[in-house]
Amino acid sequence: METLVILAVVVWILFKLVQKVTSKLYPQDSVKVQEKPDTTPATDAWGNYPKAEGHVVLFEQFRREQAQRQQAAKEAETFYRSREWRRLRYSATAINVAYAGAAPVTGW
């Protein structure tokens, strides 16, 4: 028990010694912080939107992209319901059955 107390005191003394040495080597106010002027560019990282009024442009761009995605999804849906897709799908299955002997998914 006595050695534990001595060890704790020695560690505390070393800690205080290291604190003193570091405070001498690296003083608190050695470097004054300078205020930097606002040098942010007028656009964001992608270069798309101006600072203040750019939020309106940003939302317009999101809406435009969303409308394009919805239109592409509708076109894809109509294509997959069309006769051309059905004809292409059946011809690819027929070719696969002719050469491989079975359908790729069902195995018939």
C-alpha atoms as a PDB file:
ATOM      1  CA  MET A   1       0.000   0.000   0.000  1.00  0.00           C
ATOM      2  CA  GLU A   2       2.851   2.291   0.876  1.00  0.00           C
ATOM      3  CA  THR A   3       4.490   1.738  -2.532  1.00  0.00           C
ATOM      4  CA  LEU A   4       1.259   2.616  -4.264  1.00  0.00           C
ATOM      5  CA  VAL A   5       1.107   5.968  -2.461  1.00  0.00           C
ATOM      6  CA  ILE A   6       4.763   6.666  -3.280  1.00  0.00           C
ATOM      7  CA  LEU A   7       4.152   5.750  -6.928  1.00  0.00           C
ATOM      8  CA  ALA A   8       1.126   8.080  -7.095  1.00  0.00           C
ATOM      9  CA  VAL A   9       3.136  10.961  -5.614  1.00  0.00           C
ATOM     10  CA  VAL A  10       6.002  10.388  -8.073  1.00  0.00           C
ATOM     11  CA  VAL A  11       3.585  10.325 -11.026  1.00  0.00           C
ATOM     12  CA  TRP A  12       1.916  13.531  -9.811  1.00  0.00           C
ATOM     13  CA  ILE A  13       5.313  15.261  -9.443  1.00  0.00           C
ATOM     14  CA  LEU A  14       6.341  14.162 -12.947  1.00  0.00           C
ATOM     15  CA  PHE A  15       3.027  15.410 -14.326  1.00  0.00           C
ATOM     16  CA  LYS A  16       3.503  18.831 -12.746  1.00  0.00           C
ATOM     17  CA  LEU A  17       7.100  18.955 -14.008  1.00  0.00           C
ATOM     18  CA  VAL A  18       5.982  18.187 -17.556  1.00  0.00           C
ATOM     19  CA  GLN A  19       3.296  20.885 -17.278  1.00  0.00           C
ATOM     20  CA  LYS A  20       5.886  23.478 -16.250  1.00  0.00           C
ATOM     21  CA  VAL A  21       8.293  22.510 -19.030  1.00  0.00           C
ATOM     22  CA  THR A  22       5.618  22.612 -21.694  1.00  0.00           C
ATOM     23  CA  SER A  23       4.294  25.957 -20.475  1.00  0.00           C
ATOM     24  CA  LYS A  24       7.818  27.400 -20.807  1.00  0.00           C
ATOM     25  CA  LEU A  25       8.386  25.879 -24.241  1.00  0.00           C
ATOM     26  CA  TYR A  26       4.940  26.605 -25.626  1.00  0.00           C
ATOM     27  CA  PRO A  27       3.420  29.715 -24.056  1.00  0.00           C
ATOM     28  CA  GLN A  28      -0.334  30.181 -24.327  1.00  0.00           C
ATOM     29  CA  ASP A  29      -0.348  33.443 -26.312  1.00  0.00           C
ATOM     30  CA  SER A  30       2.643  32.838 -28.530  1.00  0.00           C
ATOM     31  CA  VAL A  31       0.697  33.206 -31.799  1.00  0.00           C
ATOM     32  CA  LYS A  32      -1.991  35.813 -32.230  1.00  0.00           C
ATOM     33  CA  VAL A  33      -4.964  34.652 -34.239  1.00  0.00           C
ATOM     34  CA  GLN A  34      -5.698  36.972 -37.126  1.00  0.00           C
ATOM     35  CA  GLU A  35      -9.182  37.431 -38.439  1.00  0.00           C
ATOM     36  CA  LYS A  36      -9.344  36.383 -42.055  1.00  0.00           C
ATOM     37  CA  PRO A  37     -11.523  38.278 -44.500  1.00  0.00           C
ATOM     38  CA  ASP A  38     -14.390  36.405 -46.119  1.00  0.00           C
ATOM     39  CA  THR A  39     -12.776  34.868 -49.171  1.00  0.00           C
ATOM     40  CA  THR A  40     -15.466  32.330 -49.915  1.00  0.00           C
ATOM     41  CA  PRO A  41     -16.248  32.182 -53.609  1.00  0.00           C
ATOM     42  CA  ALA A  42     -19.599  33.262 -54.936  1.00  0.00           C
ATOM     43  CA  THR A  43     -20.367  29.654 -55.933  1.00  0.00           C
ATOM     44  CA  ASP A  44     -20.280  26.387 -54.071  1.00  0.00           C
ATOM     45  CA  ALA A  45     -17.803  23.571 -54.616  1.00  0.00           C
ATOM     46  CA  TRP A  46     -19.536  22.496 -57.825  1.00  0.00           C
ATOM     47  CA  GLY A  47     -19.710  26.045 -59.173  1.00  0.00           C
ATOM     48  CA  ASN A  48     -23.469  26.019 -59.615  1.00  0.00           C
ATOM     49  CA  TYR A  49     -25.147  28.359 -57.166  1.00  0.00           C
ATOM     50  CA  PRO A  50     -24.499  31.966 -56.206  1.00  0.00           C
ATOM     51  CA  LYS A  51     -24.435  32.855 -52.497  1.00  0.00           C
ATOM     52  CA  ALA A  52     -27.690  34.522 -51.449  1.00  0.00           C
ATOM     53  CA  GLU A  53     -30.157  34.050 -54.279  1.00  0.00           C
ATOM     54  CA  GLY A  54     -28.665  30.719 -55.259  1.00  0.00           C
ATOM     55  CA  HIS A  55     -31.012  28.760 -53.036  1.00  0.00           C
ATOM     56  CA  VAL A  56     -33.881  29.486 -55.387  1.00  0.00           C
ATOM     57  CA  VAL A  57     -31.772  28.289 -58.303  1.00  0.00           C
ATOM     58  CA  LEU A  58     -30.811  25.199 -56.303  1.00  0.00           C
ATOM     59  CA  PHE A  59     -34.435  24.208 -55.674  1.00  0.00           C
ATOM     60  CA  GLU A  60     -35.343  24.881 -59.290  1.00  0.00           C
ATOM     61  CA  GLN A  61     -32.508  22.615 -60.381  1.00  0.00           C
ATOM     62  CA  PHE A  62     -33.672  19.876 -57.972  1.00  0.00           C
ATOM     63  CA  ARG A  63     -37.224  20.138 -59.301  1.00  0.00           C
ATOM     64  CA  ARG A  64     -35.990  20.016 -62.900  1.00  0.00           C
ATOM     65  CA  GLU A  65     -33.831  16.933 -62.209  1.00  0.00           C
ATOM     66  CA  GLN A  66     -36.700  15.241 -60.376  1.00  0.00           C
ATOM     67  CA  ALA A  67     -39.042  15.889 -63.308  1.00  0.00           C
ATOM     68  CA  GLN A  68     -36.449  14.427 -65.694  1.00  0.00           C
ATOM     69  CA  ARG A  69     -36.105  11.306 -63.543  1.00  0.00           C
ATOM     70  CA  GLN A  70     -39.891  10.890 -63.377  1.00  0.00           C
ATOM     71  CA  GLN A  71     -40.166  11.292 -67.142  1.00  0.00           C
ATOM     72  CA  ALA A  72     -37.430   8.712 -67.706  1.00  0.00           C
ATOM     73  CA  ALA A  73     -39.218   6.299 -65.354  1.00  0.00           C
ATOM     74  CA  LYS A  74     -42.485   6.751 -67.250  1.00  0.00           C
ATOM     75  CA  GLU A  75     -40.730   6.153 -70.567  1.00  0.00           C
ATOM     76  CA  ALA A  76     -39.110   3.014 -69.167  1.00  0.00           C
ATOM     77  CA  GLU A  77     -42.471   1.743 -67.915  1.00  0.00           C
ATOM     78  CA  THR A  78     -44.107   2.264 -71.290  1.00  0.00           C
ATOM     79  CA  PHE A  79     -41.200   0.571 -73.058  1.00  0.00           C
ATOM     80  CA  TYR A  80     -41.390  -2.513 -70.855  1.00  0.00           C
ATOM     81  CA  ARG A  81     -45.134  -2.772 -71.607  1.00  0.00           C
ATOM     82  CA  SER A  82     -44.653  -2.363 -75.346  1.00  0.00           C
ATOM     83  CA  ARG A  83     -44.752  -4.981 -78.096  1.00  0.00           C
ATOM     84  CA  GLU A  84     -41.156  -4.220 -79.049  1.00  0.00           C
ATOM     85  CA  TRP A  85     -39.906  -5.230 -75.601  1.00  0.00           C
ATOM     86  CA  ARG A  86     -42.033  -8.383 -75.619  1.00  0.00           C
ATOM     87  CA  ARG A  87     -40.759  -9.328 -79.091  1.00  0.00           C
ATOM     88  CA  LEU A  88     -37.147  -8.688 -78.063  1.00  0.00           C
ATOM     89  CA  ARG A  89     -37.528 -10.649 -74.823  1.00  0.00           C
ATOM     90  CA  TYR A  90     -39.093 -13.680 -76.505  1.00  0.00           C
ATOM     91  CA  SER A  91     -36.560 -13.692 -79.322  1.00  0.00           C
ATOM     92  CA  ALA A  92     -33.675 -13.566 -76.811  1.00  0.00           C
ATOM     93  CA  THR A  93     -35.246 -16.430 -74.859  1.00  0.00           C
ATOM     94  CA  ALA A  94     -35.753 -18.445 -78.047  1.00  0.00           C
ATOM     95  CA  ILE A  95     -32.122 -17.943 -79.069  1.00  0.00           C
ATOM     96  CA  ASN A  96     -30.939 -18.947 -75.612  1.00  0.00           C
ATOM     97  CA  VAL A  97     -33.111 -22.068 -75.614  1.00  0.00           C
ATOM     98  CA  ALA A  98     -31.895 -22.956 -79.111  1.00  0.00           C
ATOM     99  CA  TYR A  99     -28.216 -22.707 -78.187  1.00  0.00           C
ATOM    100  CA  ALA A 100     -28.177 -23.594 -74.484  1.00  0.00           C
ATOM    101  CA  GLY A 101     -31.102 -25.986 -74.410  1.00  0.00           C
ATOM    102  CA  ALA A 102     -32.847 -24.257 -71.479  1.00  0.00           C
ATOM    103  CA  ALA A 103     -34.171 -20.922 -70.403  1.00  0.00           C
ATOM    104  CA  PRO A 104     -31.650 -19.034 -68.218  1.00  0.00           C
ATOM    105  CA  VAL A 105     -33.933 -18.368 -65.234  1.00  0.00           C
ATOM    106  CA  THR A 106     -36.386 -21.218 -65.199  1.00  0.00           C
ATOM    107  CA  GLY A 107     -34.159 -23.934 -66.607  1.00  0.00           C
ATOM    108  CA  TRP A 108     -36.926 -25.393 -68.832  1.00  0.00           C
END
